[in-house]
PDB file of N, CA and C in Angstrom:
ATOM      1  N   MET A   1       1.096 -33.210  88.546  1.00  0.00           N
ATOM      2  CA  MET A   1      -0.030 -33.577  87.720  1.00  0.00           C
ATOM      3  C   MET A   1       0.477 -33.875  86.318  1.00  0.00           C
ATOM      4  N   ALA A   2      -0.125 -34.846  85.713  1.00  0.00           N
ATOM      5  CA  ALA A   2       0.272 -35.242  84.367  1.00  0.00           C
ATOM      6  C   ALA A   2      -0.385 -34.329  83.342  1.00  0.00           C
ATOM      7  N   GLY A   3       0.414 -33.874  82.385  1.00  0.00           N
ATOM      8  CA  GLY A   3      -0.124 -33.100  81.281  1.00  0.00           C
ATOM      9  C   GLY A   3      -0.332 -34.027  80.105  1.00  0.00           C
ATOM     10  N   GLY A   4      -1.340 -33.751  79.328  1.00  0.00           N
ATOM     11  CA  GLY A   4      -1.578 -34.627  78.186  1.00  0.00           C
ATOM     12  C   GLY A   4      -2.699 -34.138  77.313  1.00  0.00           C
ATOM     13  N   GLY A   5      -3.022 -34.968  76.346  1.00  0.00           N
ATOM     14  CA  GLY A   5      -4.090 -34.645  75.425  1.00  0.00           C
ATOM     15  C   GLY A   5      -4.364 -35.827  74.525  1.00  0.00           C
ATOM     16  N   PHE A   6      -5.258 -35.622  73.576  1.00  0.00           N
ATOM     17  CA  PHE A   6      -5.635 -36.709  72.685  1.00  0.00           C
ATOM     18  C   PHE A   6      -5.900 -36.143  71.303  1.00  0.00           C
ATOM     19  N   SER A   7      -5.914 -37.031  70.337  1.00  0.00           N
ATOM     20  CA  SER A   7      -6.239 -36.668  68.969  1.00  0.00           C
ATOM     21  C   SER A   7      -7.115 -37.770  68.393  1.00  0.00           C
ATOM     22  N   LYS A   8      -8.273 -37.389  67.886  1.00  0.00           N
ATOM     23  CA  LYS A   8      -9.181 -38.364  67.289  1.00  0.00           C
ATOM     24  C   LYS A   8      -8.795 -38.559  65.828  1.00  0.00           C
ATOM     25  N   LEU A   9      -8.676 -39.797  65.410  1.00  0.00           N
ATOM     26  CA  LEU A   9      -8.272 -40.137  64.052  1.00  0.00           C
ATOM     27  C   LEU A   9      -9.502 -40.298  63.162  1.00  0.00           C
ATOM     28  N   PRO A  10      -9.336 -40.219  61.835  1.00  0.00           N
ATOM     29  CA  PRO A  10     -10.488 -40.333  60.926  1.00  0.00           C
ATOM     30  C   PRO A  10     -11.256 -41.649  61.043  1.00  0.00           C
ATOM     31  N   ASN A  11     -10.588 -42.731  61.458  1.00  0.00           N
ATOM     32  CA  ASN A  11     -11.283 -44.014  61.587  1.00  0.00           C
ATOM     33  C   ASN A  11     -12.023 -44.157  62.916  1.00  0.00           C
ATOM     34  N   GLY A  12     -12.004 -43.130  63.755  1.00  0.00           N
ATOM     35  CA  GLY A  12     -12.734 -43.151  65.017  1.00  0.00           C
ATOM     36  C   GLY A  12     -11.883 -43.486  66.225  1.00  0.00           C
ATOM     37  N   SER A  13     -10.700 -44.044  66.036  1.00  0.00           N
ATOM     38  CA  SER A  13      -9.834 -44.353  67.167  1.00  0.00           C
ATOM     39  C   SER A  13      -9.128 -43.079  67.634  1.00  0.00           C
ATOM     40  N   VAL A  14      -8.467 -43.173  68.770  1.00  0.00           N
ATOM     41  CA  VAL A  14      -7.783 -42.014  69.337  1.00  0.00           C
ATOM     42  C   VAL A  14      -6.337 -42.361  69.674  1.00  0.00           C
ATOM     43  N   VAL A  15      -5.514 -41.332  69.701  1.00  0.00           N
ATOM     44  CA  VAL A  15      -4.150 -41.431  70.218  1.00  0.00           C
ATOM     45  C   VAL A  15      -4.087 -40.505  71.420  1.00  0.00           C
ATOM     46  N   VAL A  16      -3.739 -41.067  72.569  1.00  0.00           N
ATOM     47  CA  VAL A  16      -3.635 -40.305  73.808  1.00  0.00           C
ATOM     48  C   VAL A  16      -2.158 -40.134  74.135  1.00  0.00           C
ATOM     49  N   ALA A  17      -1.765 -38.913  74.474  1.00  0.00           N
ATOM     50  CA  ALA A  17      -0.393 -38.602  74.871  1.00  0.00           C
ATOM     51  C   ALA A  17      -0.425 -38.014  76.275  1.00  0.00           C
ATOM     52  N   ILE A  18       0.369 -38.595  77.174  1.00  0.00           N
ATOM     53  CA  ILE A  18       0.413 -38.136  78.561  1.00  0.00           C
ATOM     54  C   ILE A  18       1.869 -37.981  78.970  1.00  0.00           C
ATOM     55  N   THR A  19       2.184 -36.870  79.627  1.00  0.00           N
ATOM     56  CA  THR A  19       3.523 -36.651  80.162  1.00  0.00           C
ATOM     57  C   THR A  19       3.483 -36.953  81.650  1.00  0.00           C
ATOM     58  N   LEU A  20       4.280 -37.929  82.060  1.00  0.00           N
ATOM     59  CA  LEU A  20       4.326 -38.371  83.448  1.00  0.00           C
ATOM     60  C   LEU A  20       5.727 -38.174  83.998  1.00  0.00           C
ATOM     61  N   THR A  21       5.863 -38.298  85.313  1.00  0.00           N
ATOM     62  CA  THR A  21       7.171 -38.304  85.944  1.00  0.00           C
ATOM     63  C   THR A  21       7.706 -39.718  85.875  1.00  0.00           C
ATOM     64  N   GLY A  22       8.943 -39.874  85.404  1.00  0.00           N
ATOM     65  CA  GLY A  22       9.537 -41.195  85.215  1.00  0.00           C
ATOM     66  C   GLY A  22       9.782 -41.909  86.523  1.00  0.00           C
ATOM     67  N   PRO A  23       9.884 -43.232  86.466  1.00  0.00           N
ATOM     68  CA  PRO A  23      10.178 -43.997  87.680  1.00  0.00           C
ATOM     69  C   PRO A  23      11.590 -43.714  88.168  1.00  0.00           C
ATOM     70  N   THR A  24      11.811 -43.902  89.461  1.00  0.00           N
ATOM     71  CA  THR A  24      13.103 -43.576  90.050  1.00  0.00           C
ATOM     72  C   THR A  24      14.201 -44.516  89.591  1.00  0.00           C
ATOM     73  N   ASP A  25      13.866 -45.743  89.208  1.00  0.00           N
ATOM     74  CA  ASP A  25      14.904 -46.684  88.808  1.00  0.00           C
ATOM     75  C   ASP A  25      15.110 -46.733  87.299  1.00  0.00           C
ATOM     76  N   GLY A  26      14.220 -46.136  86.527  1.00  0.00           N
ATOM     77  CA  GLY A  26      14.305 -46.243  85.078  1.00  0.00           C
ATOM     78  C   GLY A  26      15.075 -45.113  84.439  1.00  0.00           C
ATOM     79  N   THR A  27      14.414 -43.992  84.186  1.00  0.00           N
ATOM     80  CA  THR A  27      15.020 -42.885  83.453  1.00  0.00           C
ATOM     81  C   THR A  27      15.657 -41.853  84.364  1.00  0.00           C
ATOM     82  N   GLY A  28      15.543 -42.023  85.650  1.00  0.00           N
ATOM     83  CA  GLY A  28      16.086 -41.056  86.597  1.00  0.00           C
ATOM     84  C   GLY A  28      14.943 -40.388  87.334  1.00  0.00           C
ATOM     85  N   PRO A  29      15.150 -40.028  88.594  1.00  0.00           N
ATOM     86  CA  PRO A  29      14.072 -39.433  89.373  1.00  0.00           C
ATOM     87  C   PRO A  29      13.663 -38.076  88.826  1.00  0.00           C
ATOM     88  N   GLY A  30      12.382 -37.898  88.638  1.00  0.00           N
ATOM     89  CA  GLY A  30      11.855 -36.620  88.193  1.00  0.00           C
ATOM     90  C   GLY A  30      11.960 -36.355  86.710  1.00  0.00           C
ATOM     91  N   THR A  31      12.472 -37.290  85.930  1.00  0.00           N
ATOM     92  CA  THR A  31      12.585 -37.096  84.489  1.00  0.00           C
ATOM     93  C   THR A  31      11.211 -37.240  83.850  1.00  0.00           C
ATOM     94  N   PRO A  32      10.778 -36.266  83.061  1.00  0.00           N
ATOM     95  CA  PRO A  32       9.471 -36.416  82.412  1.00  0.00           C
ATOM     96  C   PRO A  32       9.503 -37.500  81.342  1.00  0.00           C
ATOM     97  N   VAL A  33       8.428 -38.262  81.275  1.00  0.00           N
ATOM     98  CA  VAL A  33       8.282 -39.344  80.310  1.00  0.00           C
ATOM     99  C   VAL A  33       7.006 -39.095  79.524  1.00  0.00           C
ATOM    100  N   ARG A  34       7.099 -39.093  78.215  1.00  0.00           N
ATOM    101  CA  ARG A  34       5.931 -38.914  77.344  1.00  0.00           C
ATOM    102  C   ARG A  34       5.465 -40.298  76.911  1.00  0.00           C
ATOM    103  N   VAL A  35       4.224 -40.634  77.228  1.00  0.00           N
ATOM    104  CA  VAL A  35       3.647 -41.940  76.910  1.00  0.00           C
ATOM    105  C   VAL A  35       2.562 -41.745  75.867  1.00  0.00           C
ATOM    106  N   LEU A  36       2.589 -42.570  74.818  1.00  0.00           N
ATOM    107  CA  LEU A  36       1.589 -42.538  73.752  1.00  0.00           C
ATOM    108  C   LEU A  36       0.821 -43.845  73.740  1.00  0.00           C
ATOM    109  N   VAL A  37      -0.504 -43.758  73.577  1.00  0.00           N
ATOM    110  CA  VAL A  37      -1.353 -44.946  73.534  1.00  0.00           C
ATOM    111  C   VAL A  37      -2.336 -44.805  72.384  1.00  0.00           C
ATOM    112  N   HIS A  38      -2.459 -45.864  71.583  1.00  0.00           N
ATOM    113  CA  HIS A  38      -3.455 -45.912  70.514  1.00  0.00           C
ATOM    114  C   HIS A  38      -4.544 -46.880  70.955  1.00  0.00           C
ATOM    115  N   ALA A  39      -5.796 -46.431  70.938  1.00  0.00           N
ATOM    116  CA  ALA A  39      -6.905 -47.277  71.373  1.00  0.00           C
ATOM    117  C   ALA A  39      -8.190 -46.840  70.676  1.00  0.00           C
ATOM    118  N   ALA A  40      -9.257 -47.590  70.918  1.00  0.00           N
ATOM    119  CA  ALA A  40     -10.547 -47.300  70.293  1.00  0.00           C
ATOM    120  C   ALA A  40     -11.145 -45.997  70.807  1.00  0.00           C
ATOM    121  N   ASN A  41     -10.944 -45.695  72.099  1.00  0.00           N
ATOM    122  CA  ASN A  41     -11.431 -44.439  72.669  1.00  0.00           C
ATOM    123  C   ASN A  41     -10.542 -44.046  73.852  1.00  0.00           C
ATOM    124  N   ARG A  42     -10.791 -42.857  74.406  1.00  0.00           N
ATOM    125  CA  ARG A  42      -9.934 -42.360  75.490  1.00  0.00           C
ATOM    126  C   ARG A  42      -9.995 -43.249  76.717  1.00  0.00           C
ATOM    127  N   ALA A  43     -11.176 -43.728  77.061  1.00  0.00           N
ATOM    128  CA  ALA A  43     -11.308 -44.573  78.246  1.00  0.00           C
ATOM    129  C   ALA A  43     -10.490 -45.853  78.103  1.00  0.00           C
ATOM    130  N   ARG A  44     -10.525 -46.456  76.938  1.00  0.00           N
ATOM    131  CA  ARG A  44      -9.745 -47.682  76.727  1.00  0.00           C
ATOM    132  C   ARG A  44      -8.248 -47.404  76.730  1.00  0.00           C
ATOM    133  N   ALA A  45      -7.849 -46.259  76.236  1.00  0.00           N
ATOM    134  CA  ALA A  45      -6.429 -45.905  76.261  1.00  0.00           C
ATOM    135  C   ALA A  45      -5.934 -45.784  77.701  1.00  0.00           C
ATOM    136  N   LEU A  46      -6.703 -45.115  78.539  1.00  0.00           N
ATOM    137  CA  LEU A  46      -6.308 -44.978  79.941  1.00  0.00           C
ATOM    138  C   LEU A  46      -6.374 -46.318  80.659  1.00  0.00           C
ATOM    139  N   THR A  47      -7.339 -47.167  80.293  1.00  0.00           N
ATOM    140  CA  THR A  47      -7.428 -48.503  80.878  1.00  0.00           C
ATOM    141  C   THR A  47      -6.205 -49.334  80.513  1.00  0.00           C
ATOM    142  N   ARG A  48      -5.722 -49.202  79.290  1.00  0.00           N
ATOM    143  CA  ARG A  48      -4.508 -49.927  78.891  1.00  0.00           C
ATOM    144  C   ARG A  48      -3.331 -49.532  79.773  1.00  0.00           C
ATOM    145  N   LEU A  49      -3.196 -48.242  80.064  1.00  0.00           N
ATOM    146  CA  LEU A  49      -2.103 -47.791  80.928  1.00  0.00           C
ATOM    147  C   LEU A  49      -2.285 -48.285  82.355  1.00  0.00           C
ATOM    148  N   ARG A  50      -3.499 -48.256  82.847  1.00  0.00           N
ATOM    149  CA  ARG A  50      -3.756 -48.736  84.211  1.00  0.00           C
ATOM    150  C   ARG A  50      -3.494 -50.233  84.323  1.00  0.00           C
ATOM    151  N   ASN A  51      -3.825 -50.990  83.286  1.00  0.00           N
ATOM    152  CA  ASN A  51      -3.563 -52.428  83.301  1.00  0.00           C
ATOM    153  C   ASN A  51      -2.070 -52.740  83.264  1.00  0.00           C
ATOM    154  N   LEU A  52      -1.276 -51.816  82.765  1.00  0.00           N
ATOM    155  CA  LEU A  52       0.174 -51.991  82.746  1.00  0.00           C
ATOM    156  C   LEU A  52       0.829 -51.607  84.074  1.00  0.00           C
ATOM    157  N   GLY A  53       0.055 -51.100  85.014  1.00  0.00           N
ATOM    158  CA  GLY A  53       0.587 -50.759  86.324  1.00  0.00           C
ATOM    159  C   GLY A  53       0.662 -49.276  86.616  1.00  0.00           C
ATOM    160  N   LEU A  54       0.293 -48.432  85.677  1.00  0.00           N
ATOM    161  CA  LEU A  54       0.289 -46.983  85.903  1.00  0.00           C
ATOM    162  C   LEU A  54      -1.092 -46.601  86.433  1.00  0.00           C
ATOM    163  N   ARG A  55      -1.294 -46.760  87.719  1.00  0.00           N
ATOM    164  CA  ARG A  55      -2.627 -46.656  88.317  1.00  0.00           C
ATOM    165  C   ARG A  55      -3.190 -45.242  88.360  1.00  0.00           C
ATOM    166  N   ALA A  56      -2.401 -44.265  88.681  1.00  0.00           N
ATOM    167  CA  ALA A  56      -2.915 -42.905  88.873  1.00  0.00           C
ATOM    168  C   ALA A  56      -2.747 -42.077  87.601  1.00  0.00           C
ATOM    169  N   VAL A  57      -3.302 -42.551  86.499  1.00  0.00           N
ATOM    170  CA  VAL A  57      -3.195 -41.852  85.219  1.00  0.00           C
ATOM    171  C   VAL A  57      -4.569 -41.326  84.843  1.00  0.00           C
ATOM    172  N   TYR A  58      -4.669 -40.010  84.716  1.00  0.00           N
ATOM    173  CA  TYR A  58      -5.925 -39.376  84.328  1.00  0.00           C
ATOM    174  C   TYR A  58      -5.647 -38.377  83.222  1.00  0.00           C
ATOM    175  N   LEU A  59      -6.617 -38.173  82.365  1.00  0.00           N
ATOM    176  CA  LEU A  59      -6.494 -37.205  81.284  1.00  0.00           C
ATOM    177  C   LEU A  59      -7.475 -36.083  81.560  1.00  0.00           C
ATOM    178  N   ARG A  60      -6.929 -34.921  81.900  1.00  0.00           N
ATOM    179  CA  ARG A  60      -7.770 -33.758  82.190  1.00  0.00           C
ATOM    180  C   ARG A  60      -7.505 -32.697  81.135  1.00  0.00           C
ATOM    181  N   GLY A  61      -8.445 -32.527  80.249  1.00  0.00           N
ATOM    182  CA  GLY A  61      -8.296 -31.516  79.213  1.00  0.00           C
ATOM    183  C   GLY A  61      -7.505 -32.024  78.023  1.00  0.00           C
ATOM    184  N   ASN A  62      -7.163 -31.088  77.156  1.00  0.00           N
ATOM    185  CA  ASN A  62      -6.430 -31.410  75.940  1.00  0.00           C
ATOM    186  C   ASN A  62      -5.320 -30.379  75.732  1.00  0.00           C
ATOM    187  N   ALA A  63      -4.566 -30.108  76.799  1.00  0.00           N
ATOM    188  CA  ALA A  63      -3.552 -29.059  76.759  1.00  0.00           C
ATOM    189  C   ALA A  63      -2.328 -29.449  75.940  1.00  0.00           C
ATOM    190  N   GLU A  64      -1.956 -30.728  75.940  1.00  0.00           N
ATOM    191  CA  GLU A  64      -0.766 -31.199  75.227  1.00  0.00           C
ATOM    192  C   GLU A  64      -1.131 -32.362  74.311  1.00  0.00           C
ATOM    193  N   PRO A  65      -1.842 -32.104  73.216  1.00  0.00           N
ATOM    194  CA  PRO A  65      -2.219 -33.209  72.321  1.00  0.00           C
ATOM    195  C   PRO A  65      -0.994 -33.783  71.614  1.00  0.00           C
ATOM    196  N   PRO A  66      -1.093 -35.003  71.110  1.00  0.00           N
ATOM    197  CA  PRO A  66       0.049 -35.595  70.407  1.00  0.00           C
ATOM    198  C   PRO A  66       0.340 -34.866  69.104  1.00  0.00           C
ATOM    199  N   THR A  67       1.614 -34.760  68.778  1.00  0.00           N
ATOM    200  CA  THR A  67       2.027 -34.133  67.527  1.00  0.00           C
ATOM    201  C   THR A  67       1.830 -35.131  66.383  1.00  0.00           C
ATOM    202  N   PRO A  68       1.833 -34.669  65.143  1.00  0.00           N
ATOM    203  CA  PRO A  68       1.720 -35.611  64.015  1.00  0.00           C
ATOM    204  C   PRO A  68       2.829 -36.667  64.004  1.00  0.00           C
ATOM    205  N   ASP A  69       4.040 -36.305  64.412  1.00  0.00           N
ATOM    206  CA  ASP A  69       5.121 -37.290  64.481  1.00  0.00           C
ATOM    207  C   ASP A  69       4.844 -38.354  65.544  1.00  0.00           C
ATOM    208  N   GLU A  70       4.277 -37.936  66.675  1.00  0.00           N
ATOM    209  CA  GLU A  70       3.940 -38.895  67.728  1.00  0.00           C
ATOM    210  C   GLU A  70       2.828 -39.831  67.268  1.00  0.00           C
ATOM    211  N   ILE A  71       1.848 -39.291  66.569  1.00  0.00           N
ATOM    212  CA  ILE A  71       0.755 -40.122  66.059  1.00  0.00           C
ATOM    213  C   ILE A  71       1.299 -41.162  65.084  1.00  0.00           C
ATOM    214  N   THR A  72       2.186 -40.740  64.195  1.00  0.00           N
ATOM    215  CA  THR A  72       2.778 -41.671  63.238  1.00  0.00           C
ATOM    216  C   THR A  72       3.566 -42.763  63.955  1.00  0.00           C
ATOM    217  N   ALA A  73       4.314 -42.396  64.978  1.00  0.00           N
ATOM    218  CA  ALA A  73       5.125 -43.376  65.707  1.00  0.00           C
ATOM    219  C   ALA A  73       4.259 -44.435  66.371  1.00  0.00           C
ATOM    220  N   VAL A  74       3.195 -44.028  67.037  1.00  0.00           N
ATOM    221  CA  VAL A  74       2.372 -45.001  67.757  1.00  0.00           C
ATOM    222  C   VAL A  74       1.530 -45.840  66.795  1.00  0.00           C
ATOM    223  N   LEU A  75       1.137 -45.292  65.660  1.00  0.00           N
ATOM    224  CA  LEU A  75       0.366 -46.071  64.692  1.00  0.00           C
ATOM    225  C   LEU A  75       1.215 -47.148  64.025  1.00  0.00           C
ATOM    226  N   HIS A  76       2.511 -46.912  63.899  1.00  0.00           N
ATOM    227  CA  HIS A  76       3.376 -47.885  63.247  1.00  0.00           C
ATOM    228  C   HIS A  76       4.003 -48.882  64.210  1.00  0.00           C
ATOM    229  N   HIS A  77       3.674 -48.806  65.487  1.00  0.00           N
ATOM    230  CA  HIS A  77       4.212 -49.755  66.460  1.00  0.00           C
ATOM    231  C   HIS A  77       3.182 -50.843  66.722  1.00  0.00           C
ATOM    232  N   PRO A  78       3.596 -52.119  66.730  1.00  0.00           N
ATOM    233  CA  PRO A  78       2.617 -53.206  66.883  1.00  0.00           C
ATOM    234  C   PRO A  78       1.873 -53.206  68.217  1.00  0.00           C
ATOM    235  N   ASP A  79       2.510 -52.754  69.301  1.00  0.00           N
ATOM    236  CA  ASP A  79       1.836 -52.740  70.604  1.00  0.00           C
ATOM    237  C   ASP A  79       0.894 -51.559  70.758  1.00  0.00           C
ATOM    238  N   GLY A  80       1.192 -50.449  70.106  1.00  0.00           N
ATOM    239  CA  GLY A  80       0.363 -49.263  70.229  1.00  0.00           C
ATOM    240  C   GLY A  80       0.578 -48.482  71.505  1.00  0.00           C
ATOM    241  N   VAL A  81       1.647 -48.794  72.253  1.00  0.00           N
ATOM    242  CA  VAL A  81       1.983 -48.067  73.480  1.00  0.00           C
ATOM    243  C   VAL A  81       3.489 -47.811  73.459  1.00  0.00           C
ATOM    244  N   LEU A  82       3.875 -46.526  73.467  1.00  0.00           N
ATOM    245  CA  LEU A  82       5.282 -46.127  73.391  1.00  0.00           C
ATOM    246  C   LEU A  82       5.605 -45.098  74.460  1.00  0.00           C
ATOM    247  N   TRP A  83       6.894 -44.891  74.712  1.00  0.00           N
ATOM    248  CA  TRP A  83       7.330 -43.838  75.622  1.00  0.00           C
ATOM    249  C   TRP A  83       8.674 -43.298  75.165  1.00  0.00           C
ATOM    250  N   ARG A  84       8.960 -42.080  75.601  1.00  0.00           N
ATOM    251  CA  ARG A  84      10.245 -41.423  75.350  1.00  0.00           C
ATOM    252  C   ARG A  84      10.585 -40.616  76.593  1.00  0.00           C
ATOM    253  N   ALA A  85      11.841 -40.682  77.021  1.00  0.00           N
ATOM    254  CA  ALA A  85      12.231 -40.084  78.302  1.00  0.00           C
ATOM    255  C   ALA A  85      12.198 -38.566  78.297  1.00  0.00           C
ATOM    256  N   ARG A  86      12.634 -37.933  77.245  1.00  0.00           N
ATOM    257  CA  ARG A  86      12.675 -36.473  77.223  1.00  0.00           C
ATOM    258  C   ARG A  86      11.846 -35.974  76.061  1.00  0.00           C
ATOM    259  N   PRO A  87      10.614 -35.569  76.318  1.00  0.00           N
ATOM    260  CA  PRO A  87       9.727 -35.150  75.227  1.00  0.00           C
ATOM    261  C   PRO A  87      10.250 -33.964  74.431  1.00  0.00           C
ATOM    262  N   GLU A  88      11.043 -33.094  75.048  1.00  0.00           N
ATOM    263  CA  GLU A  88      11.516 -31.904  74.343  1.00  0.00           C
ATOM    264  C   GLU A  88      12.662 -32.211  73.381  1.00  0.00           C
ATOM    265  N   GLN A  89      13.268 -33.392  73.494  1.00  0.00           N
ATOM    266  CA  GLN A  89      14.366 -33.764  72.602  1.00  0.00           C
ATOM    267  C   GLN A  89      13.844 -34.722  71.534  1.00  0.00           C
ATOM    268  N   ALA A  90      13.671 -34.222  70.321  1.00  0.00           N
ATOM    269  CA  ALA A  90      13.091 -35.025  69.251  1.00  0.00           C
ATOM    270  C   ALA A  90      14.044 -36.092  68.731  1.00  0.00           C
ATOM    271  N   GLN A  91      15.345 -35.992  69.019  1.00  0.00           N
ATOM    272  CA  GLN A  91      16.275 -36.972  68.484  1.00  0.00           C
ATOM    273  C   GLN A  91      16.264 -38.288  69.259  1.00  0.00           C
ATOM    274  N   GLU A  92      15.693 -38.324  70.449  1.00  0.00           N
ATOM    275  CA  GLU A  92      15.615 -39.583  71.182  1.00  0.00           C
ATOM    276  C   GLU A  92      14.551 -40.473  70.548  1.00  0.00           C
ATOM    277  N   LEU A  93      14.838 -41.748  70.464  1.00  0.00           N
ATOM    278  CA  LEU A  93      13.914 -42.692  69.838  1.00  0.00           C
ATOM    279  C   LEU A  93      12.817 -43.112  70.807  1.00  0.00           C
ATOM    280  N   TRP A  94      11.718 -43.590  70.259  1.00  0.00           N
ATOM    281  CA  TRP A  94      10.613 -44.118  71.048  1.00  0.00           C
ATOM    282  C   TRP A  94      10.932 -45.543  71.463  1.00  0.00           C
ATOM    283  N   HIS A  95      10.458 -45.913  72.654  1.00  0.00           N
ATOM    284  CA  HIS A  95      10.707 -47.247  73.197  1.00  0.00           C
ATOM    285  C   HIS A  95       9.372 -47.934  73.469  1.00  0.00           C
ATOM    286  N   PRO A  96       9.328 -49.271  73.384  1.00  0.00           N
ATOM    287  CA  PRO A  96       8.108 -49.971  73.784  1.00  0.00           C
ATOM    288  C   PRO A  96       7.893 -49.826  75.289  1.00  0.00           C
ATOM    289  N   ILE A  97       6.658 -49.875  75.704  1.00  0.00           N
ATOM    290  CA  ILE A  97       6.327 -49.641  77.116  1.00  0.00           C
ATOM    291  C   ILE A  97       6.954 -50.694  78.025  1.00  0.00           C
ATOM    292  N   ARG A  98       7.208 -51.883  77.517  1.00  0.00           N
ATOM    293  CA  ARG A  98       7.836 -52.935  78.332  1.00  0.00           C
ATOM    294  C   ARG A  98       9.200 -52.495  78.848  1.00  0.00           C
ATOM    295  N   ALA A  99       9.918 -51.685  78.072  1.00  0.00           N
ATOM    296  CA  ALA A  99      11.242 -51.224  78.497  1.00  0.00           C
ATOM    297  C   ALA A  99      11.156 -50.271  79.685  1.00  0.00           C
ATOM    298  N   LEU A 100      10.071 -49.535  79.815  1.00  0.00           N
ATOM    299  CA  LEU A 100       9.904 -48.607  80.934  1.00  0.00           C
ATOM    300  C   LEU A 100       9.457 -49.336  82.189  1.00  0.00           C
ATOM    301  N   LEU A 101       8.596 -50.325  82.022  1.00  0.00           N
ATOM    302  CA  LEU A 101       8.005 -51.001  83.170  1.00  0.00           C
ATOM    303  C   LEU A 101       8.814 -52.193  83.652  1.00  0.00           C
ATOM    304  N   ARG A 102       9.823 -52.591  82.892  1.00  0.00           N
ATOM    305  CA  ARG A 102      10.636 -53.749  83.264  1.00  0.00           C
ATOM    306  C   ARG A 102      11.418 -53.433  84.527  1.00  0.00           C
ATOM    307  N   PRO A 103      11.330 -54.286  85.540  1.00  0.00           N
ATOM    308  CA  PRO A 103      12.101 -54.021  86.759  1.00  0.00           C
ATOM    309  C   PRO A 103      13.590 -54.216  86.496  1.00  0.00           C
ATOM    310  N   ALA A 104      14.373 -53.422  87.175  1.00  0.00           N
ATOM    311  CA  ALA A 104      15.823 -53.540  87.045  1.00  0.00           C
ATOM    312  C   ALA A 104      16.275 -54.820  87.735  1.00  0.00           C
ATOM    313  N   VAL A 105      16.880 -55.717  86.987  1.00  0.00           N
ATOM    314  CA  VAL A 105      17.336 -56.990  87.537  1.00  0.00           C
ATOM    315  C   VAL A 105      18.837 -56.892  87.774  1.00  0.00           C
ATOM    316  N   PRO A 106      19.258 -57.023  89.034  1.00  0.00           N
ATOM    317  CA  PRO A 106      20.697 -56.954  89.294  1.00  0.00           C
ATOM    318  C   PRO A 106      21.401 -58.190  88.742  1.00  0.00           C
ATOM    319  N   ALA A 107      22.631 -58.001  88.330  1.00  0.00           N
ATOM    320  CA  ALA A 107      23.416 -59.124  87.822  1.00  0.00           C
ATOM    321  C   ALA A 107      23.760 -60.049  88.979  1.00  0.00           C
ATOM    322  N   VAL A 108      23.450 -61.321  88.806  1.00  0.00           N
ATOM    323  CA  VAL A 108      23.703 -62.312  89.851  1.00  0.00           C
ATOM    324  C   VAL A 108      24.918 -63.128  89.435  1.00  0.00           C
ATOM    325  N   ALA A 109      25.856 -63.277  90.346  1.00  0.00           N
ATOM    326  CA  ALA A 109      27.054 -64.062  90.059  1.00  0.00           C
ATOM    327  C   ALA A 109      26.676 -65.528  89.904  1.00  0.00           C
ATOM    328  N   ASP A 110      27.380 -66.217  89.057  1.00  0.00           N
ATOM    329  CA  ASP A 110      27.139 -67.634  88.825  1.00  0.00           C
ATOM    330  C   ASP A 110      27.570 -68.406  90.068  1.00  0.00           C
ATOM    331  N   ARG A 111      26.612 -69.045  90.723  1.00  0.00           N
ATOM    332  CA  ARG A 111      26.897 -69.746  91.982  1.00  0.00           C
ATOM    333  C   ARG A 111      26.811 -71.254  91.754  1.00  0.00           C
ATOM    334  N   ARG A 112      27.859 -71.809  91.253  1.00  0.00           N
ATOM    335  CA  ARG A 112      27.913 -73.259  91.059  1.00  0.00           C
ATOM    336  C   ARG A 112      28.729 -73.869  92.194  1.00  0.00           C
ATOM    337  N   PRO A 113      28.277 -75.016  92.666  1.00  0.00           N
ATOM    338  CA  PRO A 113      29.073 -75.666  93.724  1.00  0.00           C
ATOM    339  C   PRO A 113      30.415 -76.140  93.169  1.00  0.00           C
ATOM    340  N   ALA A 114      31.434 -76.011  93.994  1.00  0.00           N
ATOM    341  CA  ALA A 114      32.781 -76.388  93.549  1.00  0.00           C
ATOM    342  C   ALA A 114      33.041 -77.858  93.633  1.00  0.00           C
TER     343      ALA A 114
END
């Protein structure tokens, strides 16, 4: 089950933070991934994640709300959706969500006719 929470900002928008299990090809099998989303409300934040392909994402309760550093990071990012592979390690940088969802493309040898 995903742990997460939200924080309502003074302007009425929210920042939702959810800890998910990372994809098997991205950060390693079973590695927790902390995802941050900035949106107008909680429903729209979860809809943004579902539209990106994370279908089974639900926010139950507010057990793990975003920290002030996480809120600052997502507010200063143009996409408003970030992730970090190891939430407990603060020295790892935040990445745009495209880097997590990008399929691994194998290197293809140059096949030119001789």
